[in-house]
Amino acid sequence: MVTAAISGLEMVLLAQRAAEARTSEIGPGLIAFSIVVLLAVATFLLLRSMMRHIRKVPPTFDNEPADEASGDDVG
């Protein structure tokens, strides 16, 4: 009976220690949050730059520009 009480007490203490370990674990923290924010800002800046470059693309890709298509070759 005494050994059962000791082992029961040990089990209770182990369960309490396990519960404390789960609640006091270190979370991702400030470093992980700042990395996520940095990645979000970088993504935003890349998308903005890409949109600027896409606006500069002509609507059609003709092989010869309109000025040279007239056939006035002085050569």
PDB file of N, CA and C in Angstrom:
ATOM      1  N   MET A   1       0.823  -1.179   0.000  1.00  0.00           N
ATOM      2  CA  MET A   1       0.000   0.000   0.000  1.00  0.00           C
ATOM      3  C   MET A   1       0.872   1.250   0.000  1.00  0.00           C
ATOM      4  N   VAL A   2       1.966   1.239   0.696  1.00  0.00           N
ATOM      5  CA  VAL A   2       2.860   2.381   0.739  1.00  0.00           C
ATOM      6  C   VAL A   2       3.516   2.579  -0.617  1.00  0.00           C
ATOM      7  N   THR A   3       3.911   1.498  -1.267  1.00  0.00           N
ATOM      8  CA  THR A   3       4.537   1.629  -2.585  1.00  0.00           C
ATOM      9  C   THR A   3       3.539   2.137  -3.601  1.00  0.00           C
ATOM     10  N   ALA A   4       2.287   1.757  -3.468  1.00  0.00           N
ATOM     11  CA  ALA A   4       1.259   2.249  -4.384  1.00  0.00           C
ATOM     12  C   ALA A   4       1.030   3.737  -4.188  1.00  0.00           C
ATOM     13  N   ALA A   5       1.090   4.202  -2.962  1.00  0.00           N
ATOM     14  CA  ALA A   5       0.909   5.627  -2.671  1.00  0.00           C
ATOM     15  C   ALA A   5       2.092   6.424  -3.207  1.00  0.00           C
ATOM     16  N   ILE A   6       3.288   5.870  -3.093  1.00  0.00           N
ATOM     17  CA  ILE A   6       4.465   6.560  -3.597  1.00  0.00           C
ATOM     18  C   ILE A   6       4.431   6.617  -5.110  1.00  0.00           C
ATOM     19  N   SER A   7       4.098   5.512  -5.727  1.00  0.00           N
ATOM     20  CA  SER A   7       4.056   5.527  -7.187  1.00  0.00           C
ATOM     21  C   SER A   7       2.929   6.423  -7.687  1.00  0.00           C
ATOM     22  N   GLY A   8       1.821   6.482  -6.950  1.00  0.00           N
ATOM     23  CA  GLY A   8       0.731   7.384  -7.310  1.00  0.00           C
ATOM     24  C   GLY A   8       1.152   8.837  -7.163  1.00  0.00           C
ATOM     25  N   LEU A   9       1.903   9.120  -6.077  1.00  0.00           N
ATOM     26  CA  LEU A   9       2.417  10.458  -5.851  1.00  0.00           C
ATOM     27  C   LEU A   9       3.421  10.836  -6.941  1.00  0.00           C
ATOM     28  N   GLU A  10       4.254   9.894  -7.301  1.00  0.00           N
ATOM     29  CA  GLU A  10       5.210  10.138  -8.378  1.00  0.00           C
ATOM     30  C   GLU A  10       4.492  10.433  -9.691  1.00  0.00           C
ATOM     31  N   MET A  11       3.437   9.713  -9.945  1.00  0.00           N
ATOM     32  CA  MET A  11       2.674   9.940 -11.178  1.00  0.00           C
ATOM     33  C   MET A  11       2.052  11.335 -11.183  1.00  0.00           C
ATOM     34  N   VAL A  12       1.542  11.771 -10.034  1.00  0.00           N
ATOM     35  CA  VAL A  12       0.944  13.104  -9.946  1.00  0.00           C
ATOM     36  C   VAL A  12       2.006  14.169 -10.177  1.00  0.00           C
ATOM     37  N   LEU A  13       3.177  13.984  -9.562  1.00  0.00           N
ATOM     38  CA  LEU A  13       4.262  14.956  -9.749  1.00  0.00           C
ATOM     39  C   LEU A  13       4.739  14.997 -11.198  1.00  0.00           C
ATOM     40  N   LEU A  14       4.853  13.831 -11.810  1.00  0.00           N
ATOM     41  CA  LEU A  14       5.253  13.791 -13.220  1.00  0.00           C
ATOM     42  C   LEU A  14       4.214  14.468 -14.114  1.00  0.00           C
ATOM     43  N   ALA A  15       2.951  14.274 -13.819  1.00  0.00           N
ATOM     44  CA  ALA A  15       1.893  14.911 -14.602  1.00  0.00           C
ATOM     45  C   ALA A  15       1.938  16.428 -14.436  1.00  0.00           C
ATOM     46  N   GLN A  16       2.202  16.894 -13.207  1.00  0.00           N
ATOM     47  CA  GLN A  16       2.307  18.337 -12.982  1.00  0.00           C
ATOM     48  C   GLN A  16       3.507  18.928 -13.721  1.00  0.00           C
ATOM     49  N   ARG A  17       4.632  18.210 -13.668  1.00  0.00           N
ATOM     50  CA  ARG A  17       5.820  18.693 -14.379  1.00  0.00           C
ATOM     51  C   ARG A  17       5.580  18.742 -15.883  1.00  0.00           C
ATOM     52  N   ALA A  18       4.879  17.746 -16.402  1.00  0.00           N
ATOM     53  CA  ALA A  18       4.584  17.730 -17.834  1.00  0.00           C
ATOM     54  C   ALA A  18       3.660  18.886 -18.204  1.00  0.00           C
ATOM     55  N   ALA A  19       2.679  19.173 -17.338  1.00  0.00           N
ATOM     56  CA  ALA A  19       1.762  20.290 -17.603  1.00  0.00           C
ATOM     57  C   ALA A  19       2.507  21.618 -17.549  1.00  0.00           C
ATOM     58  N   GLU A  20       3.417  21.764 -16.602  1.00  0.00           N
ATOM     59  CA  GLU A  20       4.198  22.998 -16.508  1.00  0.00           C
ATOM     60  C   GLU A  20       5.115  23.157 -17.710  1.00  0.00           C
ATOM     61  N   ALA A  21       5.676  22.062 -18.172  1.00  0.00           N
ATOM     62  CA  ALA A  21       6.568  22.126 -19.329  1.00  0.00           C
ATOM     63  C   ALA A  21       5.802  22.554 -20.573  1.00  0.00           C
ATOM     64  N   ARG A  22       4.571  22.087 -20.705  1.00  0.00           N
ATOM     65  CA  ARG A  22       3.773  22.463 -21.876  1.00  0.00           C
ATOM     66  C   ARG A  22       3.377  23.935 -21.844  1.00  0.00           C
ATOM     67  N   THR A  23       3.088  24.456 -20.669  1.00  0.00           N
ATOM     68  CA  THR A  23       2.652  25.848 -20.585  1.00  0.00           C
ATOM     69  C   THR A  23       3.814  26.824 -20.610  1.00  0.00           C
ATOM     70  N   SER A  24       4.999  26.384 -20.241  1.00  0.00           N
ATOM     71  CA  SER A  24       6.133  27.305 -20.195  1.00  0.00           C
ATOM     72  C   SER A  24       7.076  27.141 -21.385  1.00  0.00           C
ATOM     73  N   GLU A  25       6.622  26.464 -22.437  1.00  0.00           N
ATOM     74  CA  GLU A  25       7.470  26.320 -23.613  1.00  0.00           C
ATOM     75  C   GLU A  25       7.669  27.680 -24.280  1.00  0.00           C
ATOM     76  N   ILE A  26       8.795  27.850 -24.870  1.00  0.00           N
ATOM     77  CA  ILE A  26       9.092  29.096 -25.557  1.00  0.00           C
ATOM     78  C   ILE A  26       8.422  29.066 -26.920  1.00  0.00           C
ATOM     79  N   GLY A  27       7.682  30.097 -27.225  1.00  0.00           N
ATOM     80  CA  GLY A  27       6.986  30.188 -28.503  1.00  0.00           C
ATOM     81  C   GLY A  27       7.907  30.701 -29.595  1.00  0.00           C
ATOM     82  N   PRO A  28       7.359  30.940 -30.753  1.00  0.00           N
ATOM     83  CA  PRO A  28       8.166  31.405 -31.884  1.00  0.00           C
ATOM     84  C   PRO A  28       8.879  32.718 -31.592  1.00  0.00           C
ATOM     85  N   GLY A  29       8.246  33.606 -30.883  1.00  0.00           N
ATOM     86  CA  GLY A  29       8.911  34.810 -30.432  1.00  0.00           C
ATOM     87  C   GLY A  29       8.977  35.929 -31.440  1.00  0.00           C
ATOM     88  N   LEU A  30       9.713  36.926 -31.059  1.00  0.00           N
ATOM     89  CA  LEU A  30       9.824  38.155 -31.826  1.00  0.00           C
ATOM     90  C   LEU A  30      10.627  37.963 -33.107  1.00  0.00           C
ATOM     91  N   ILE A  31      11.622  37.104 -33.067  1.00  0.00           N
ATOM     92  CA  ILE A  31      12.461  36.891 -34.252  1.00  0.00           C
ATOM     93  C   ILE A  31      11.639  36.298 -35.393  1.00  0.00           C
ATOM     94  N   ALA A  32      10.834  35.288 -35.100  1.00  0.00           N
ATOM     95  CA  ALA A  32      10.007  34.671 -36.136  1.00  0.00           C
ATOM     96  C   ALA A  32       8.984  35.667 -36.676  1.00  0.00           C
ATOM     97  N   PHE A  33       8.407  36.459 -35.799  1.00  0.00           N
ATOM     98  CA  PHE A  33       7.431  37.463 -36.237  1.00  0.00           C
ATOM     99  C   PHE A  33       8.092  38.488 -37.151  1.00  0.00           C
ATOM    100  N   SER A  34       9.281  38.938 -36.787  1.00  0.00           N
ATOM    101  CA  SER A  34       9.961  39.927 -37.624  1.00  0.00           C
ATOM    102  C   SER A  34      10.374  39.328 -38.968  1.00  0.00           C
ATOM    103  N   ILE A  35      10.708  38.049 -39.009  1.00  0.00           N
ATOM    104  CA  ILE A  35      11.026  37.396 -40.286  1.00  0.00           C
ATOM    105  C   ILE A  35       9.798  37.346 -41.171  1.00  0.00           C
ATOM    106  N   VAL A  36       8.656  37.026 -40.600  1.00  0.00           N
ATOM    107  CA  VAL A  36       7.411  36.980 -41.381  1.00  0.00           C
ATOM    108  C   VAL A  36       7.060  38.367 -41.910  1.00  0.00           C
ATOM    109  N   VAL A  37       7.216  39.394 -41.086  1.00  0.00           N
ATOM    110  CA  VAL A  37       6.938  40.761 -41.529  1.00  0.00           C
ATOM    111  C   VAL A  37       7.910  41.167 -42.630  1.00  0.00           C
ATOM    112  N   LEU A  38       9.185  40.819 -42.470  1.00  0.00           N
ATOM    113  CA  LEU A  38      10.188  41.126 -43.491  1.00  0.00           C
ATOM    114  C   LEU A  38       9.856  40.447 -44.818  1.00  0.00           C
ATOM    115  N   LEU A  39       9.431  39.202 -44.769  1.00  0.00           N
ATOM    116  CA  LEU A  39       9.042  38.503 -45.997  1.00  0.00           C
ATOM    117  C   LEU A  39       7.804  39.133 -46.632  1.00  0.00           C
ATOM    118  N   ALA A  40       6.863  39.575 -45.833  1.00  0.00           N
ATOM    119  CA  ALA A  40       5.666  40.230 -46.370  1.00  0.00           C
ATOM    120  C   ALA A  40       6.023  41.552 -47.040  1.00  0.00           C
ATOM    121  N   VAL A  41       6.902  42.335 -46.427  1.00  0.00           N
ATOM    122  CA  VAL A  41       7.316  43.607 -47.017  1.00  0.00           C
ATOM    123  C   VAL A  41       8.083  43.359 -48.312  1.00  0.00           C
ATOM    124  N   ALA A  42       8.975  42.366 -48.315  1.00  0.00           N
ATOM    125  CA  ALA A  42       9.732  42.047 -49.527  1.00  0.00           C
ATOM    126  C   ALA A  42       8.805  41.598 -50.652  1.00  0.00           C
ATOM    127  N   THR A  43       7.797  40.801 -50.326  1.00  0.00           N
ATOM    128  CA  THR A  43       6.832  40.359 -51.336  1.00  0.00           C
ATOM    129  C   THR A  43       6.068  41.544 -51.902  1.00  0.00           C
ATOM    130  N   PHE A  44       5.641  42.456 -51.054  1.00  0.00           N
ATOM    131  CA  PHE A  44       4.930  43.644 -51.509  1.00  0.00           C
ATOM    132  C   PHE A  44       5.799  44.475 -52.451  1.00  0.00           C
ATOM    133  N   LEU A  45       7.057  44.691 -52.076  1.00  0.00           N
ATOM    134  CA  LEU A  45       7.947  45.491 -52.918  1.00  0.00           C
ATOM    135  C   LEU A  45       8.232  44.807 -54.255  1.00  0.00           C
ATOM    136  N   LEU A  46       8.395  43.506 -54.245  1.00  0.00           N
ATOM    137  CA  LEU A  46       8.614  42.779 -55.496  1.00  0.00           C
ATOM    138  C   LEU A  46       7.394  42.839 -56.410  1.00  0.00           C
ATOM    139  N   LEU A  47       6.209  42.707 -55.830  1.00  0.00           N
ATOM    140  CA  LEU A  47       4.986  42.792 -56.640  1.00  0.00           C
ATOM    141  C   LEU A  47       4.812  44.189 -57.226  1.00  0.00           C
ATOM    142  N   ARG A  48       5.124  45.217 -56.450  1.00  0.00           N
ATOM    143  CA  ARG A  48       5.024  46.588 -56.949  1.00  0.00           C
ATOM    144  C   ARG A  48       6.006  46.832 -58.090  1.00  0.00           C
ATOM    145  N   SER A  49       7.210  46.332 -57.953  1.00  0.00           N
ATOM    146  CA  SER A  49       8.209  46.475 -59.011  1.00  0.00           C
ATOM    147  C   SER A  49       7.782  45.711 -60.267  1.00  0.00           C
ATOM    148  N   MET A  50       7.243  44.517 -60.074  1.00  0.00           N
ATOM    149  CA  MET A  50       6.793  43.729 -61.212  1.00  0.00           C
ATOM    150  C   MET A  50       5.667  44.446 -61.963  1.00  0.00           C
ATOM    151  N   MET A  51       4.751  45.064 -61.245  1.00  0.00           N
ATOM    152  CA  MET A  51       3.655  45.777 -61.895  1.00  0.00           C
ATOM    153  C   MET A  51       4.174  46.971 -62.688  1.00  0.00           C
ATOM    154  N   ARG A  52       5.194  47.657 -62.185  1.00  0.00           N
ATOM    155  CA  ARG A  52       5.787  48.773 -62.934  1.00  0.00           C
ATOM    156  C   ARG A  52       6.405  48.274 -64.229  1.00  0.00           C
ATOM    157  N   HIS A  53       7.093  47.147 -64.182  1.00  0.00           N
ATOM    158  CA  HIS A  53       7.716  46.610 -65.385  1.00  0.00           C
ATOM    159  C   HIS A  53       6.674  46.090 -66.376  1.00  0.00           C
ATOM    160  N   ILE A  54       5.601  45.516 -65.878  1.00  0.00           N
ATOM    161  CA  ILE A  54       4.557  45.004 -66.768  1.00  0.00           C
ATOM    162  C   ILE A  54       3.859  46.149 -67.487  1.00  0.00           C
ATOM    163  N   ARG A  55       3.706  47.292 -66.839  1.00  0.00           N
ATOM    164  CA  ARG A  55       3.074  48.444 -67.500  1.00  0.00           C
ATOM    165  C   ARG A  55       3.914  48.971 -68.662  1.00  0.00           C
ATOM    166  N   LYS A  56       5.224  48.744 -68.627  1.00  0.00           N
ATOM    167  CA  LYS A  56       6.110  49.212 -69.695  1.00  0.00           C
ATOM    168  C   LYS A  56       6.118  48.277 -70.905  1.00  0.00           C
ATOM    169  N   VAL A  57       5.572  47.095 -70.785  1.00  0.00           N
ATOM    170  CA  VAL A  57       5.575  46.135 -71.883  1.00  0.00           C
ATOM    171  C   VAL A  57       4.562  46.584 -72.932  1.00  0.00           C
ATOM    172  N   PRO A  58       4.961  46.593 -74.214  1.00  0.00           N
ATOM    173  CA  PRO A  58       4.010  47.003 -75.262  1.00  0.00           C
ATOM    174  C   PRO A  58       2.894  45.968 -75.418  1.00  0.00           C
ATOM    175  N   PRO A  59       1.740  46.407 -75.921  1.00  0.00           N
ATOM    176  CA  PRO A  59       0.611  45.475 -76.060  1.00  0.00           C
ATOM    177  C   PRO A  59       0.864  44.395 -77.109  1.00  0.00           C
ATOM    178  N   THR A  60       1.654  44.721 -78.137  1.00  0.00           N
ATOM    179  CA  THR A  60       1.982  43.714 -79.142  1.00  0.00           C
ATOM    180  C   THR A  60       3.484  43.679 -79.339  1.00  0.00           C
ATOM    181  N   PHE A  61       3.968  42.558 -79.780  1.00  0.00           N
ATOM    182  CA  PHE A  61       5.396  42.396 -80.028  1.00  0.00           C
ATOM    183  C   PHE A  61       5.618  42.230 -81.531  1.00  0.00           C
ATOM    184  N   ASP A  62       5.576  43.338 -82.251  1.00  0.00           N
ATOM    185  CA  ASP A  62       5.850  43.301 -83.682  1.00  0.00           C
ATOM    186  C   ASP A  62       7.353  43.186 -83.892  1.00  0.00           C
ATOM    187  N   ASN A  63       7.739  42.522 -84.981  1.00  0.00           N
ATOM    188  CA  ASN A  63       9.167  42.352 -85.255  1.00  0.00           C
ATOM    189  C   ASN A  63       9.823  43.651 -85.692  1.00  0.00           C
ATOM    190  N   GLU A  64       9.093  44.491 -86.411  1.00  0.00           N
ATOM    191  CA  GLU A  64       9.668  45.750 -86.863  1.00  0.00           C
ATOM    192  C   GLU A  64       8.814  46.909 -86.364  1.00  0.00           C
ATOM    193  N   PRO A  65       9.427  47.948 -85.868  1.00  0.00           N
ATOM    194  CA  PRO A  65       8.666  49.107 -85.400  1.00  0.00           C
ATOM    195  C   PRO A  65       7.954  49.814 -86.555  1.00  0.00           C
ATOM    196  N   ALA A  66       7.004  50.671 -86.249  1.00  0.00           N
ATOM    197  CA  ALA A  66       6.185  51.342 -87.258  1.00  0.00           C
ATOM    198  C   ALA A  66       7.007  52.278 -88.138  1.00  0.00           C
ATOM    199  N   ASP A  67       8.051  52.928 -87.641  1.00  0.00           N
ATOM    200  CA  ASP A  67       8.862  53.850 -88.433  1.00  0.00           C
ATOM    201  C   ASP A  67       9.651  53.118 -89.522  1.00  0.00           C
ATOM    202  N   GLU A  68      10.147  51.967 -89.240  1.00  0.00           N
ATOM    203  CA  GLU A  68      10.948  51.210 -90.205  1.00  0.00           C
ATOM    204  C   GLU A  68      10.090  50.420 -91.184  1.00  0.00           C
ATOM    205  N   ALA A  69       8.814  50.280 -90.940  1.00  0.00           N
ATOM    206  CA  ALA A  69       7.943  49.493 -91.790  1.00  0.00           C
ATOM    207  C   ALA A  69       7.551  50.221 -93.077  1.00  0.00           C
ATOM    208  N   SER A  70       7.840  51.522 -93.193  1.00  0.00           N
ATOM    209  CA  SER A  70       7.412  52.276 -94.353  1.00  0.00           C
ATOM    210  C   SER A  70       8.232  51.930 -95.593  1.00  0.00           C
ATOM    211  N   GLY A  71       9.381  51.352 -95.445  1.00  0.00           N
ATOM    212  CA  GLY A  71      10.170  50.927 -96.611  1.00  0.00           C
ATOM    213  C   GLY A  71      11.116  51.979 -97.134  1.00  0.00           C
ATOM    214  N   ASP A  72      11.361  53.039 -96.413  1.00  0.00           N
ATOM    215  CA  ASP A  72      12.282  54.088 -96.855  1.00  0.00           C
ATOM    216  C   ASP A  72      13.696  53.742 -96.415  1.00  0.00           C
ATOM    217  N   ASP A  73      14.308  52.829 -97.090  1.00  0.00           N
ATOM    218  CA  ASP A  73      15.682  52.451 -96.745  1.00  0.00           C
ATOM    219  C   ASP A  73      16.629  53.324 -97.535  1.00  0.00           C
ATOM    220  N   VAL A  74      17.366  54.131 -96.822  1.00  0.00           N
ATOM    221  CA  VAL A  74      18.372  54.971 -97.457  1.00  0.00           C
ATOM    222  C   VAL A  74      19.693  54.311 -97.158  1.00  0.00           C
ATOM    223  N   GLY A  75      20.175  53.570 -98.002  1.00  0.00           N
ATOM    224  CA  GLY A  75      21.361  52.860 -97.615  1.00  0.00           C
ATOM    225  C   GLY A  75      22.336  52.622 -98.601  1.00  0.00           C
TER     226      GLY A  75
END
